[in-house]
Amino acid sequence: MTAPHSDSPFLAACRAEPHDRTPVWFMRQAGRSLPEYRAIRGSGSILNAIGDADLSTEITLQPVRRYGVDAAILFSDIVVPAHAVGFGVDVRPGVGPVIDRPFECRADLERLRPLEPETDTPYVLETVRQVVSDGSVPLIGFAGGPFTVASYLIEGAPSRTYGRTKAMMLGDPELWNALMERLADMAIASLRSQIDCGASAIQLFDSWAGALSPPVYERCVLPFSRRVFEGVADTGVPRIHFGVGTGEILHLMADAGADVIGVDWRVPLDVARRRLGGDTILQGNLDPAVCLGPLDVVEAEVADVLRRNGDHPGHIFNLGHGVLPEIDPAVLAHIVDQVHAHTRGG
């Protein structure tokens, strides 16, 4: 029997196998800038929408229908596992994740019991099953990197300095390591459950890891990211690793064990591949803000990313971070058409 999506250019690029066109998808393509998303999303916390599998399925598939992207990304959030085990997490509109009682001491570890996906997040698994049943493109499942999730739990809200997080990381390494182990194991449980339900690839979003120096990242974060990737290695699905502002730690992120390294817009794609080695498979890396400029500028910047890839088969076109809410969907549709029209050597 033919494997699902055996002709997928996205999955082929994840493995640097031959394929006929450069695949493209956009982080945060599900929602945000789409009028059809705003029409059905409803008010209140995004966690309410995530908890409705039928609604989440529709939101996940909306950008696939509109743009013709080569992969769907699950409509969910990196704090869902912590919310599901009752840690006291909400996602406040216009703010982001907020915590009732931030993580402060060893006793707070008891508030992070092991995740049991079938019991704790059945709505996520049902969304995965429904999207996979649609069958149009591969589905990317995801989890938050242990550091990024920890930063929300400790800070209590989005932060620019990560002061409390770094204070715990450096000042109480025993507690930090215990917290990171719990979050890594929750990520593994969540990712494996998504893969079991049919996700074709996974991405670990360690969005804020770029806030760390290389020595601190290597000592305090890398072992736990590696734990996550090793925890799903036997599934055989492609594994993507992504963070923002990670130019100085890209080589360390690559050591965590992912198959594909996401690159933000601060490091040109060709420079990233020189740093990581010629065989490295990359995802990225158009600056999302470029999409707010004139169309001819957008086209030139897209062409530059493609040129810098140098016809390497291991490239998935994406933004260097998520879709901005104010981006015109027509611009993203134009980008998809331009990337798909690109021919190697052309």
C-alpha atoms as a PDB file:
ATOM      1  CA  MET A   1       0.000   0.000   0.000  1.00  0.00           C
ATOM      2  CA  THR A   2       1.294   3.472  -0.870  1.00  0.00           C
ATOM      3  CA  ALA A   3       2.277   5.509   2.171  1.00  0.00           C
ATOM      4  CA  PRO A   4       0.143   8.597   2.860  1.00  0.00           C
ATOM      5  CA  HIS A   5       1.427  11.676   1.028  1.00  0.00           C
ATOM      6  CA  SER A   6       4.195   9.678  -0.641  1.00  0.00           C
ATOM      7  CA  ASP A   7       4.310  12.361  -3.359  1.00  0.00           C
ATOM      8  CA  SER A   8       4.443  15.290  -0.925  1.00  0.00           C
ATOM      9  CA  PRO A   9       7.113  17.859  -1.837  1.00  0.00           C
ATOM     10  CA  PHE A  10       7.100  18.992   1.815  1.00  0.00           C
ATOM     11  CA  LEU A  11       7.986  15.543   3.155  1.00  0.00           C
ATOM     12  CA  ALA A  12      10.511  15.037   0.358  1.00  0.00           C
ATOM     13  CA  ALA A  13      12.234  18.322   1.219  1.00  0.00           C
ATOM     14  CA  CYS A  14      12.302  17.327   4.913  1.00  0.00           C
ATOM     15  CA  ARG A  15      14.469  14.387   3.818  1.00  0.00           C
ATOM     16  CA  ALA A  16      16.341  16.185   0.990  1.00  0.00           C
ATOM     17  CA  GLU A  17      14.822  13.749  -1.494  1.00  0.00           C
ATOM     18  CA  PRO A  18      14.041  14.687  -5.118  1.00  0.00           C
ATOM     19  CA  HIS A  19      10.786  16.610  -5.646  1.00  0.00           C
ATOM     20  CA  ASP A  20       9.321  18.781  -8.360  1.00  0.00           C
ATOM     21  CA  ARG A  21       8.765  22.104  -6.593  1.00  0.00           C
ATOM     22  CA  THR A  22       9.906  24.021  -3.536  1.00  0.00           C
ATOM     23  CA  PRO A  23       7.341  23.387  -0.783  1.00  0.00           C
ATOM     24  CA  VAL A  24       5.958  26.252   1.264  1.00  0.00           C
ATOM     25  CA  TRP A  25       3.883  26.741   4.389  1.00  0.00           C
ATOM     26  CA  PHE A  26       3.683  29.600   6.873  1.00  0.00           C
ATOM     27  CA  MET A  27       4.013  29.552  10.620  1.00  0.00           C
ATOM     28  CA  ARG A  28       0.762  30.900  12.108  1.00  0.00           C
ATOM     29  CA  GLN A  29      -0.961  30.424   8.752  1.00  0.00           C
ATOM     30  CA  ALA A  30      -3.984  29.031  10.619  1.00  0.00           C
ATOM     31  CA  GLY A  31      -5.834  32.117  11.778  1.00  0.00           C
ATOM     32  CA  ARG A  32      -4.667  35.644  12.470  1.00  0.00           C
ATOM     33  CA  SER A  33      -4.790  37.346   9.074  1.00  0.00           C
ATOM     34  CA  LEU A  34      -7.617  35.332   7.495  1.00  0.00           C
ATOM     35  CA  PRO A  35     -11.070  36.935   7.387  1.00  0.00           C
ATOM     36  CA  GLU A  36     -12.666  33.474   7.305  1.00  0.00           C
ATOM     37  CA  TYR A  37     -10.853  32.713  10.572  1.00  0.00           C
ATOM     38  CA  ARG A  38     -12.150  35.867  12.230  1.00  0.00           C
ATOM     39  CA  ALA A  39     -15.661  35.026  11.021  1.00  0.00           C
ATOM     40  CA  ILE A  40     -15.772  31.712  12.929  1.00  0.00           C
ATOM     41  CA  ARG A  41     -13.217  32.118  15.706  1.00  0.00           C
ATOM     42  CA  GLY A  42     -15.523  33.634  18.311  1.00  0.00           C
ATOM     43  CA  SER A  43     -14.433  35.745  21.272  1.00  0.00           C
ATOM     44  CA  GLY A  44     -12.503  34.889  24.392  1.00  0.00           C
ATOM     45  CA  SER A  45      -9.458  32.723  24.929  1.00  0.00           C
ATOM     46  CA  ILE A  46      -7.982  30.814  22.013  1.00  0.00           C
ATOM     47  CA  LEU A  47      -8.069  27.796  24.315  1.00  0.00           C
ATOM     48  CA  ASN A  48     -11.854  27.703  23.880  1.00  0.00           C
ATOM     49  CA  ALA A  49     -11.473  27.401  20.111  1.00  0.00           C
ATOM     50  CA  ILE A  50      -8.712  24.807  20.461  1.00  0.00           C
ATOM     51  CA  GLY A  51     -11.037  22.782  22.692  1.00  0.00           C
ATOM     52  CA  ASP A  52     -13.587  22.505  19.858  1.00  0.00           C
ATOM     53  CA  ALA A  53     -12.217  19.866  17.485  1.00  0.00           C
ATOM     54  CA  ASP A  54     -14.601  20.666  14.634  1.00  0.00           C
ATOM     55  CA  LEU A  55     -13.712  24.357  14.811  1.00  0.00           C
ATOM     56  CA  SER A  56      -9.985  23.654  15.111  1.00  0.00           C
ATOM     57  CA  THR A  57     -10.129  21.336  12.115  1.00  0.00           C
ATOM     58  CA  GLU A  58     -11.778  24.006   9.990  1.00  0.00           C
ATOM     59  CA  ILE A  59      -9.247  26.641  11.094  1.00  0.00           C
ATOM     60  CA  THR A  60      -6.342  24.284  10.371  1.00  0.00           C
ATOM     61  CA  LEU A  61      -7.611  23.654   6.834  1.00  0.00           C
ATOM     62  CA  GLN A  62      -8.575  27.244   5.911  1.00  0.00           C
ATOM     63  CA  PRO A  63      -5.071  28.294   4.770  1.00  0.00           C
ATOM     64  CA  VAL A  64      -4.627  25.047   2.839  1.00  0.00           C
ATOM     65  CA  ARG A  65      -7.718  25.866   0.790  1.00  0.00           C
ATOM     66  CA  ARG A  66      -6.925  29.545   0.353  1.00  0.00           C
ATOM     67  CA  TYR A  67      -3.190  29.435  -0.340  1.00  0.00           C
ATOM     68  CA  GLY A  68      -2.480  25.945  -1.657  1.00  0.00           C
ATOM     69  CA  VAL A  69       0.344  25.495   0.860  1.00  0.00           C
ATOM     70  CA  ASP A  70       2.118  22.135   0.992  1.00  0.00           C
ATOM     71  CA  ALA A  71       1.462  21.384   4.666  1.00  0.00           C
ATOM     72  CA  ALA A  72      -1.087  22.156   7.344  1.00  0.00           C
ATOM     73  CA  ILE A  73      -0.003  23.214  10.838  1.00  0.00           C
ATOM     74  CA  LEU A  74      -2.221  22.092  13.689  1.00  0.00           C
ATOM     75  CA  PHE A  75      -4.336  24.889  15.161  1.00  0.00           C
ATOM     76  CA  SER A  76      -3.314  24.718  18.803  1.00  0.00           C
ATOM     77  CA  ASP A  77      -0.912  26.419  21.223  1.00  0.00           C
ATOM     78  CA  ILE A  78       2.319  25.455  22.957  1.00  0.00           C
ATOM     79  CA  VAL A  79       0.777  25.978  26.420  1.00  0.00           C
ATOM     80  CA  VAL A  80      -2.097  23.521  25.833  1.00  0.00           C
ATOM     81  CA  PRO A  81      -0.408  20.637  27.719  1.00  0.00           C
ATOM     82  CA  ALA A  82       0.263  22.798  30.790  1.00  0.00           C
ATOM     83  CA  HIS A  83      -3.286  24.109  30.632  1.00  0.00           C
ATOM     84  CA  ALA A  84      -4.661  20.594  30.246  1.00  0.00           C
ATOM     85  CA  VAL A  85      -2.979  19.289  33.406  1.00  0.00           C
ATOM     86  CA  GLY A  86      -4.451  22.169  35.404  1.00  0.00           C
ATOM     87  CA  PHE A  87      -1.425  24.411  35.929  1.00  0.00           C
ATOM     88  CA  GLY A  88      -3.588  27.503  35.576  1.00  0.00           C
ATOM     89  CA  VAL A  89      -2.772  28.831  32.100  1.00  0.00           C
ATOM     90  CA  ASP A  90      -4.876  31.053  29.887  1.00  0.00           C
ATOM     91  CA  VAL A  91      -4.111  32.780  26.597  1.00  0.00           C
ATOM     92  CA  ARG A  92      -5.346  36.341  26.876  1.00  0.00           C
ATOM     93  CA  PRO A  93      -6.289  38.088  23.591  1.00  0.00           C
ATOM     94  CA  GLY A  94      -3.715  40.720  22.717  1.00  0.00           C
ATOM     95  CA  VAL A  95      -1.363  39.528  25.471  1.00  0.00           C
ATOM     96  CA  GLY A  96      -0.538  35.836  25.116  1.00  0.00           C
ATOM     97  CA  PRO A  97      -0.116  33.144  27.770  1.00  0.00           C
ATOM     98  CA  VAL A  98      -0.790  34.283  31.323  1.00  0.00           C
ATOM     99  CA  ILE A  99      -0.382  32.191  34.473  1.00  0.00           C
ATOM    100  CA  ASP A 100      -2.564  32.384  37.598  1.00  0.00           C
ATOM    101  CA  ARG A 101       0.269  31.354  39.918  1.00  0.00           C
ATOM    102  CA  PRO A 102       3.685  31.379  38.230  1.00  0.00           C
ATOM    103  CA  PHE A 103       6.174  28.589  38.857  1.00  0.00           C
ATOM    104  CA  GLU A 104       8.429  29.575  41.769  1.00  0.00           C
ATOM    105  CA  CYS A 105       9.521  26.614  43.879  1.00  0.00           C
ATOM    106  CA  ARG A 106       9.861  22.843  44.091  1.00  0.00           C
ATOM    107  CA  ALA A 107       6.284  22.450  45.309  1.00  0.00           C
ATOM    108  CA  ASP A 108       5.108  23.807  41.962  1.00  0.00           C
ATOM    109  CA  LEU A 109       6.469  20.690  40.246  1.00  0.00           C
ATOM    110  CA  GLU A 110       3.461  18.830  41.629  1.00  0.00           C
ATOM    111  CA  ARG A 111       1.241  21.083  39.528  1.00  0.00           C
ATOM    112  CA  LEU A 112       2.857  19.595  36.404  1.00  0.00           C
ATOM    113  CA  ARG A 113       1.771  15.983  36.500  1.00  0.00           C
ATOM    114  CA  PRO A 114       2.538  13.758  33.482  1.00  0.00           C
ATOM    115  CA  LEU A 115       0.401  14.493  30.440  1.00  0.00           C
ATOM    116  CA  GLU A 116      -2.074  11.766  29.454  1.00  0.00           C
ATOM    117  CA  PRO A 117      -3.135  12.911  25.969  1.00  0.00           C
ATOM    118  CA  GLU A 118      -6.154  10.633  25.499  1.00  0.00           C
ATOM    119  CA  THR A 119      -7.597  11.947  28.768  1.00  0.00           C
ATOM    120  CA  ASP A 120      -6.156  15.461  28.960  1.00  0.00           C
ATOM    121  CA  THR A 121      -6.191  16.634  25.331  1.00  0.00           C
ATOM    122  CA  PRO A 122      -8.715  14.465  23.456  1.00  0.00           C
ATOM    123  CA  TYR A 123      -9.839  17.531  21.471  1.00  0.00           C
ATOM    124  CA  VAL A 124      -6.326  17.935  20.054  1.00  0.00           C
ATOM    125  CA  LEU A 125      -6.217  14.298  19.005  1.00  0.00           C
ATOM    126  CA  GLU A 126      -9.652  14.518  17.412  1.00  0.00           C
ATOM    127  CA  THR A 127      -8.541  17.586  15.464  1.00  0.00           C
ATOM    128  CA  VAL A 128      -5.494  15.697  14.224  1.00  0.00           C
ATOM    129  CA  ARG A 129      -7.642  12.733  13.178  1.00  0.00           C
ATOM    130  CA  GLN A 130     -10.090  14.954  11.311  1.00  0.00           C
ATOM    131  CA  VAL A 131      -7.398  16.914   9.469  1.00  0.00           C
ATOM    132  CA  VAL A 132      -5.579  13.712   8.538  1.00  0.00           C
ATOM    133  CA  SER A 133      -8.879  12.264   7.325  1.00  0.00           C
ATOM    134  CA  ASP A 134      -9.243  15.272   5.006  1.00  0.00           C
ATOM    135  CA  GLY A 135      -6.058  14.013   3.380  1.00  0.00           C
ATOM    136  CA  SER A 136      -5.231  17.038   1.235  1.00  0.00           C
ATOM    137  CA  VAL A 137      -1.723  17.738   2.600  1.00  0.00           C
ATOM    138  CA  PRO A 138       0.517  16.429   5.386  1.00  0.00           C
ATOM    139  CA  LEU A 139      -0.225  17.721   8.880  1.00  0.00           C
ATOM    140  CA  ILE A 140       2.528  19.136  11.066  1.00  0.00           C
ATOM    141  CA  GLY A 141       2.013  18.514  14.768  1.00  0.00           C
ATOM    142  CA  PHE A 142       3.938  20.546  17.302  1.00  0.00           C
ATOM    143  CA  ALA A 143       4.939  21.223  20.877  1.00  0.00           C
ATOM    144  CA  GLY A 144       6.669  24.021  22.706  1.00  0.00           C
ATOM    145  CA  GLY A 145      10.333  23.693  23.504  1.00  0.00           C
ATOM    146  CA  PRO A 146      10.883  23.138  27.227  1.00  0.00           C
ATOM    147  CA  PHE A 147      12.716  26.457  27.624  1.00  0.00           C
ATOM    148  CA  THR A 148      10.027  28.537  25.940  1.00  0.00           C
ATOM    149  CA  VAL A 149       7.198  26.890  27.881  1.00  0.00           C
ATOM    150  CA  ALA A 150       9.193  27.254  31.113  1.00  0.00           C
ATOM    151  CA  SER A 151       9.660  30.957  30.430  1.00  0.00           C
ATOM    152  CA  TYR A 152       5.898  31.486  30.313  1.00  0.00           C
ATOM    153  CA  LEU A 153       5.297  29.420  33.456  1.00  0.00           C
ATOM    154  CA  ILE A 154       7.979  31.260  35.429  1.00  0.00           C
ATOM    155  CA  GLU A 155       7.449  34.804  34.143  1.00  0.00           C
ATOM    156  CA  GLY A 156       3.659  34.530  34.357  1.00  0.00           C
ATOM    157  CA  ALA A 157       3.242  36.339  31.022  1.00  0.00           C
ATOM    158  CA  PRO A 158       5.274  37.127  27.885  1.00  0.00           C
ATOM    159  CA  SER A 159       8.601  38.751  28.761  1.00  0.00           C
ATOM    160  CA  ARG A 160      11.271  40.783  27.007  1.00  0.00           C
ATOM    161  CA  THR A 161      14.065  40.044  29.500  1.00  0.00           C
ATOM    162  CA  TYR A 162      13.303  36.534  30.862  1.00  0.00           C
ATOM    163  CA  GLY A 163      14.778  37.801  34.122  1.00  0.00           C
ATOM    164  CA  ARG A 164      12.975  35.411  36.472  1.00  0.00           C
ATOM    165  CA  THR A 165      13.626  32.502  34.127  1.00  0.00           C
ATOM    166  CA  LYS A 166      17.347  33.172  33.904  1.00  0.00           C
ATOM    167  CA  ALA A 167      17.557  33.739  37.662  1.00  0.00           C
ATOM    168  CA  MET A 168      16.105  30.278  38.314  1.00  0.00           C
ATOM    169  CA  MET A 169      18.112  28.653  35.526  1.00  0.00           C
ATOM    170  CA  LEU A 170      21.418  29.963  36.844  1.00  0.00           C
ATOM    171  CA  GLY A 171      20.600  30.277  40.538  1.00  0.00           C
ATOM    172  CA  ASP A 172      18.813  26.986  41.191  1.00  0.00           C
ATOM    173  CA  PRO A 173      19.973  24.534  38.525  1.00  0.00           C
ATOM    174  CA  GLU A 174      18.546  21.534  40.375  1.00  0.00           C
ATOM    175  CA  LEU A 175      15.032  22.967  40.324  1.00  0.00           C
ATOM    176  CA  TRP A 176      15.502  24.178  36.741  1.00  0.00           C
ATOM    177  CA  ASN A 177      16.548  20.741  35.561  1.00  0.00           C
ATOM    178  CA  ALA A 178      13.588  19.108  37.296  1.00  0.00           C
ATOM    179  CA  LEU A 179      11.198  21.563  35.628  1.00  0.00           C
ATOM    180  CA  MET A 180      12.788  21.057  32.216  1.00  0.00           C
ATOM    181  CA  GLU A 181      12.577  17.283  32.535  1.00  0.00           C
ATOM    182  CA  ARG A 182       8.856  17.505  33.258  1.00  0.00           C
ATOM    183  CA  LEU A 183       8.226  19.834  30.345  1.00  0.00           C
ATOM    184  CA  ALA A 184      10.322  17.707  27.979  1.00  0.00           C
ATOM    185  CA  ASP A 185       8.351  14.614  28.946  1.00  0.00           C
ATOM    186  CA  MET A 186       5.057  16.474  28.454  1.00  0.00           C
ATOM    187  CA  ALA A 187       6.223  17.552  24.990  1.00  0.00           C
ATOM    188  CA  ILE A 188       7.177  13.976  24.118  1.00  0.00           C
ATOM    189  CA  ALA A 189       3.805  12.639  25.246  1.00  0.00           C
ATOM    190  CA  SER A 190       1.965  15.329  23.270  1.00  0.00           C
ATOM    191  CA  LEU A 191       4.021  14.859  20.108  1.00  0.00           C
ATOM    192  CA  ARG A 192       3.783  11.074  20.172  1.00  0.00           C
ATOM    193  CA  SER A 193       0.009  11.276  20.560  1.00  0.00           C
ATOM    194  CA  GLN A 194      -0.242  13.580  17.547  1.00  0.00           C
ATOM    195  CA  ILE A 195       1.971  11.263  15.492  1.00  0.00           C
ATOM    196  CA  ASP A 196      -0.082   8.244  16.584  1.00  0.00           C
ATOM    197  CA  CYS A 197      -3.182  10.010  15.244  1.00  0.00           C
ATOM    198  CA  GLY A 198      -1.577  10.659  11.865  1.00  0.00           C
ATOM    199  CA  ALA A 199       0.622  13.781  11.991  1.00  0.00           C
ATOM    200  CA  SER A 200       3.215  13.436   9.217  1.00  0.00           C
ATOM    201  CA  ALA A 201       5.871  15.675  10.776  1.00  0.00           C
ATOM    202  CA  ILE A 202       6.432  17.591  14.015  1.00  0.00           C
ATOM    203  CA  GLN A 203       7.949  20.927  14.916  1.00  0.00           C
ATOM    204  CA  LEU A 204       9.429  21.945  18.253  1.00  0.00           C
ATOM    205  CA  PHE A 205       8.863  25.663  18.766  1.00  0.00           C
ATOM    206  CA  ASP A 206      11.590  26.924  21.090  1.00  0.00           C
ATOM    207  CA  SER A 207      10.623  30.414  20.065  1.00  0.00           C
ATOM    208  CA  TRP A 208      12.535  32.393  22.687  1.00  0.00           C
ATOM    209  CA  ALA A 209      15.733  30.329  22.934  1.00  0.00           C
ATOM    210  CA  GLY A 210      17.562  33.131  21.120  1.00  0.00           C
ATOM    211  CA  ALA A 211      17.470  35.091  24.380  1.00  0.00           C
ATOM    212  CA  LEU A 212      20.257  32.840  25.696  1.00  0.00           C
ATOM    213  CA  SER A 213      24.017  32.918  25.230  1.00  0.00           C
ATOM    214  CA  PRO A 214      25.556  29.854  23.593  1.00  0.00           C
ATOM    215  CA  PRO A 215      27.167  28.541  26.813  1.00  0.00           C
ATOM    216  CA  VAL A 216      23.934  28.895  28.795  1.00  0.00           C
ATOM    217  CA  TYR A 217      21.864  27.330  26.018  1.00  0.00           C
ATOM    218  CA  GLU A 218      24.285  24.420  25.724  1.00  0.00           C
ATOM    219  CA  ARG A 219      24.299  23.743  29.454  1.00  0.00           C
ATOM    220  CA  CYS A 220      20.720  24.515  30.473  1.00  0.00           C
ATOM    221  CA  VAL A 221      18.513  23.906  27.421  1.00  0.00           C
ATOM    222  CA  LEU A 222      20.161  21.704  24.801  1.00  0.00           C
ATOM    223  CA  PRO A 223      19.982  18.475  26.866  1.00  0.00           C
ATOM    224  CA  PHE A 224      16.229  18.809  27.197  1.00  0.00           C
ATOM    225  CA  SER A 225      15.593  19.680  23.558  1.00  0.00           C
ATOM    226  CA  ARG A 226      17.677  16.635  22.684  1.00  0.00           C
ATOM    227  CA  ARG A 227      15.529  14.586  25.077  1.00  0.00           C
ATOM    228  CA  VAL A 228      12.403  15.609  23.153  1.00  0.00           C
ATOM    229  CA  PHE A 229      13.808  14.769  19.726  1.00  0.00           C
ATOM    230  CA  GLU A 230      15.180  11.445  20.953  1.00  0.00           C
ATOM    231  CA  GLY A 231      11.770  10.726  22.484  1.00  0.00           C
ATOM    232  CA  VAL A 232      10.085  10.723  19.069  1.00  0.00           C
ATOM    233  CA  ALA A 233      12.982   9.496  16.935  1.00  0.00           C
ATOM    234  CA  ASP A 234      11.613   5.971  16.596  1.00  0.00           C
ATOM    235  CA  THR A 235       8.445   7.245  14.888  1.00  0.00           C
ATOM    236  CA  GLY A 236      10.404   8.081  11.736  1.00  0.00           C
ATOM    237  CA  VAL A 237       8.530  11.331  11.046  1.00  0.00           C
ATOM    238  CA  PRO A 238      10.562  14.416  10.108  1.00  0.00           C
ATOM    239  CA  ARG A 239      11.418  16.621  13.083  1.00  0.00           C
ATOM    240  CA  ILE A 240      11.793  20.401  12.736  1.00  0.00           C
ATOM    241  CA  HIS A 241      13.466  22.695  15.288  1.00  0.00           C
ATOM    242  CA  PHE A 242      12.697  26.421  15.324  1.00  0.00           C
ATOM    243  CA  GLY A 243      13.525  29.500  17.353  1.00  0.00           C
ATOM    244  CA  VAL A 244      13.789  33.269  16.890  1.00  0.00           C
ATOM    245  CA  GLY A 245      17.032  35.229  17.128  1.00  0.00           C
ATOM    246  CA  THR A 246      18.994  31.995  17.154  1.00  0.00           C
ATOM    247  CA  GLY A 247      21.875  32.888  14.830  1.00  0.00           C
ATOM    248  CA  GLU A 248      24.503  32.451  17.546  1.00  0.00           C
ATOM    249  CA  ILE A 249      23.098  29.101  18.728  1.00  0.00           C
ATOM    250  CA  LEU A 250      22.060  27.535  15.394  1.00  0.00           C
ATOM    251  CA  HIS A 251      24.933  25.067  15.557  1.00  0.00           C
ATOM    252  CA  LEU A 252      23.847  23.976  19.028  1.00  0.00           C
ATOM    253  CA  MET A 253      20.205  23.674  18.016  1.00  0.00           C
ATOM    254  CA  ALA A 254      21.311  21.450  15.155  1.00  0.00           C
ATOM    255  CA  ASP A 255      23.004  19.189  17.714  1.00  0.00           C
ATOM    256  CA  ALA A 256      19.662  18.530  19.412  1.00  0.00           C
ATOM    257  CA  GLY A 257      18.778  15.956  16.772  1.00  0.00           C
ATOM    258  CA  ALA A 258      16.169  17.506  14.486  1.00  0.00           C
ATOM    259  CA  ASP A 259      16.059  16.653  10.788  1.00  0.00           C
ATOM    260  CA  VAL A 260      15.245  20.229   9.720  1.00  0.00           C
ATOM    261  CA  ILE A 261      16.465  23.501  11.221  1.00  0.00           C
ATOM    262  CA  GLY A 262      14.215  26.549  11.033  1.00  0.00           C
ATOM    263  CA  VAL A 263      16.042  29.810  10.347  1.00  0.00           C
ATOM    264  CA  ASP A 264      14.637  33.239  11.142  1.00  0.00           C
ATOM    265  CA  TRP A 265      15.226  36.221   8.848  1.00  0.00           C
ATOM    266  CA  ARG A 266      18.302  37.545  10.674  1.00  0.00           C
ATOM    267  CA  VAL A 267      20.631  34.931   9.178  1.00  0.00           C
ATOM    268  CA  PRO A 268      20.655  34.576   5.376  1.00  0.00           C
ATOM    269  CA  LEU A 269      19.836  31.039   4.289  1.00  0.00           C
ATOM    270  CA  ASP A 270      23.182  30.462   2.584  1.00  0.00           C
ATOM    271  CA  VAL A 271      25.055  31.711   5.642  1.00  0.00           C
ATOM    272  CA  ALA A 272      23.039  29.352   7.864  1.00  0.00           C
ATOM    273  CA  ARG A 273      23.893  26.394   5.656  1.00  0.00           C
ATOM    274  CA  ARG A 274      27.592  27.300   5.662  1.00  0.00           C
ATOM    275  CA  ARG A 275      27.516  27.401   9.454  1.00  0.00           C
ATOM    276  CA  LEU A 276      25.696  24.086   9.768  1.00  0.00           C
ATOM    277  CA  GLY A 277      27.119  22.090   6.855  1.00  0.00           C
ATOM    278  CA  GLY A 278      26.168  21.621   3.237  1.00  0.00           C
ATOM    279  CA  ASP A 279      23.837  18.685   3.874  1.00  0.00           C
ATOM    280  CA  THR A 280      21.707  20.550   6.414  1.00  0.00           C
ATOM    281  CA  ILE A 281      18.000  20.760   5.637  1.00  0.00           C
ATOM    282  CA  LEU A 282      16.631  24.235   6.308  1.00  0.00           C
ATOM    283  CA  GLN A 283      13.243  25.888   6.679  1.00  0.00           C
ATOM    284  CA  GLY A 284      12.680  29.599   6.160  1.00  0.00           C
ATOM    285  CA  ASN A 285      13.290  32.426   6.059  1.00  0.00           C
ATOM    286  CA  LEU A 286      11.455  35.494   4.683  1.00  0.00           C
ATOM    287  CA  ASP A 287      11.063  38.374   7.150  1.00  0.00           C
ATOM    288  CA  PRO A 288       7.302  38.498   7.910  1.00  0.00           C
ATOM    289  CA  ALA A 289       7.368  42.308   7.903  1.00  0.00           C
ATOM    290  CA  VAL A 290       8.483  42.272   4.253  1.00  0.00           C
ATOM    291  CA  CYS A 291       4.971  41.051   3.422  1.00  0.00           C
ATOM    292  CA  LEU A 292       3.651  44.493   4.394  1.00  0.00           C
ATOM    293  CA  GLY A 293       5.667  46.203   1.649  1.00  0.00           C
ATOM    294  CA  PRO A 294       5.020  46.720  -2.068  1.00  0.00           C
ATOM    295  CA  LEU A 295       4.492  43.545  -4.057  1.00  0.00           C
ATOM    296  CA  ASP A 296       7.596  44.037  -6.181  1.00  0.00           C
ATOM    297  CA  VAL A 297       9.679  44.232  -2.995  1.00  0.00           C
ATOM    298  CA  VAL A 298       8.048  41.074  -1.668  1.00  0.00           C
ATOM    299  CA  GLU A 299       8.797  39.271  -4.938  1.00  0.00           C
ATOM    300  CA  ALA A 300      12.436  40.367  -4.838  1.00  0.00           C
ATOM    301  CA  GLU A 301      12.886  39.187  -1.261  1.00  0.00           C
ATOM    302  CA  VAL A 302      11.243  35.827  -1.981  1.00  0.00           C
ATOM    303  CA  ALA A 303      13.507  35.396  -5.000  1.00  0.00           C
ATOM    304  CA  ASP A 304      16.528  36.202  -2.829  1.00  0.00           C
ATOM    305  CA  VAL A 305      15.646  33.467  -0.310  1.00  0.00           C
ATOM    306  CA  LEU A 306      15.248  30.973  -3.150  1.00  0.00           C
ATOM    307  CA  ARG A 307      18.521  32.086  -4.702  1.00  0.00           C
ATOM    308  CA  ARG A 308      20.397  31.731  -1.437  1.00  0.00           C
ATOM    309  CA  ASN A 309      19.147  28.174  -1.097  1.00  0.00           C
ATOM    310  CA  GLY A 310      21.118  27.413  -4.255  1.00  0.00           C
ATOM    311  CA  ASP A 311      18.734  24.714  -5.521  1.00  0.00           C
ATOM    312  CA  HIS A 312      19.441  22.521  -2.487  1.00  0.00           C
ATOM    313  CA  PRO A 313      16.713  19.831  -2.271  1.00  0.00           C
ATOM    314  CA  GLY A 314      16.544  20.251   1.498  1.00  0.00           C
ATOM    315  CA  HIS A 315      14.633  23.531   1.709  1.00  0.00           C
ATOM    316  CA  ILE A 316      11.110  24.316   2.882  1.00  0.00           C
ATOM    317  CA  PHE A 317      10.113  27.906   2.176  1.00  0.00           C
ATOM    318  CA  ASN A 318       8.575  29.673   5.158  1.00  0.00           C
ATOM    319  CA  LEU A 319       8.600  32.950   6.979  1.00  0.00           C
ATOM    320  CA  GLY A 320      11.302  33.589   9.551  1.00  0.00           C
ATOM    321  CA  HIS A 321       8.566  33.737  12.197  1.00  0.00           C
ATOM    322  CA  GLY A 322       4.770  33.730  12.202  1.00  0.00           C
ATOM    323  CA  VAL A 323       2.287  35.498   9.939  1.00  0.00           C
ATOM    324  CA  LEU A 324       1.553  39.014  11.232  1.00  0.00           C
ATOM    325  CA  PRO A 325      -2.163  39.714  11.768  1.00  0.00           C
ATOM    326  CA  GLU A 326      -2.096  42.705   9.426  1.00  0.00           C
ATOM    327  CA  ILE A 327      -0.648  40.856   6.419  1.00  0.00           C
ATOM    328  CA  ASP A 328      -2.944  40.802   3.389  1.00  0.00           C
ATOM    329  CA  PRO A 329      -3.800  37.155   2.594  1.00  0.00           C
ATOM    330  CA  ALA A 330      -3.481  37.987  -1.107  1.00  0.00           C
ATOM    331  CA  VAL A 331       0.226  38.642  -0.564  1.00  0.00           C
ATOM    332  CA  LEU A 332       0.726  35.216   1.011  1.00  0.00           C
ATOM    333  CA  ALA A 333      -1.165  33.605  -1.861  1.00  0.00           C
ATOM    334  CA  HIS A 334       1.133  35.407  -4.302  1.00  0.00           C
ATOM    335  CA  ILE A 335       4.198  34.147  -2.411  1.00  0.00           C
ATOM    336  CA  VAL A 336       2.952  30.556  -2.646  1.00  0.00           C
ATOM    337  CA  ASP A 337       2.463  30.924  -6.396  1.00  0.00           C
ATOM    338  CA  GLN A 338       5.926  32.457  -6.815  1.00  0.00           C
ATOM    339  CA  VAL A 339       7.656  29.739  -4.775  1.00  0.00           C
ATOM    340  CA  HIS A 340       5.806  26.972  -6.605  1.00  0.00           C
ATOM    341  CA  ALA A 341       6.728  28.507  -9.962  1.00  0.00           C
ATOM    342  CA  HIS A 342      10.419  28.549  -9.063  1.00  0.00           C
ATOM    343  CA  THR A 343      12.448  25.957 -10.947  1.00  0.00           C
ATOM    344  CA  ARG A 344      15.865  24.783  -9.932  1.00  0.00           C
ATOM    345  CA  GLY A 345      18.533  26.530 -11.884  1.00  0.00           C
ATOM    346  CA  GLY A 346      15.949  29.055 -13.075  1.00  0.00           C
END
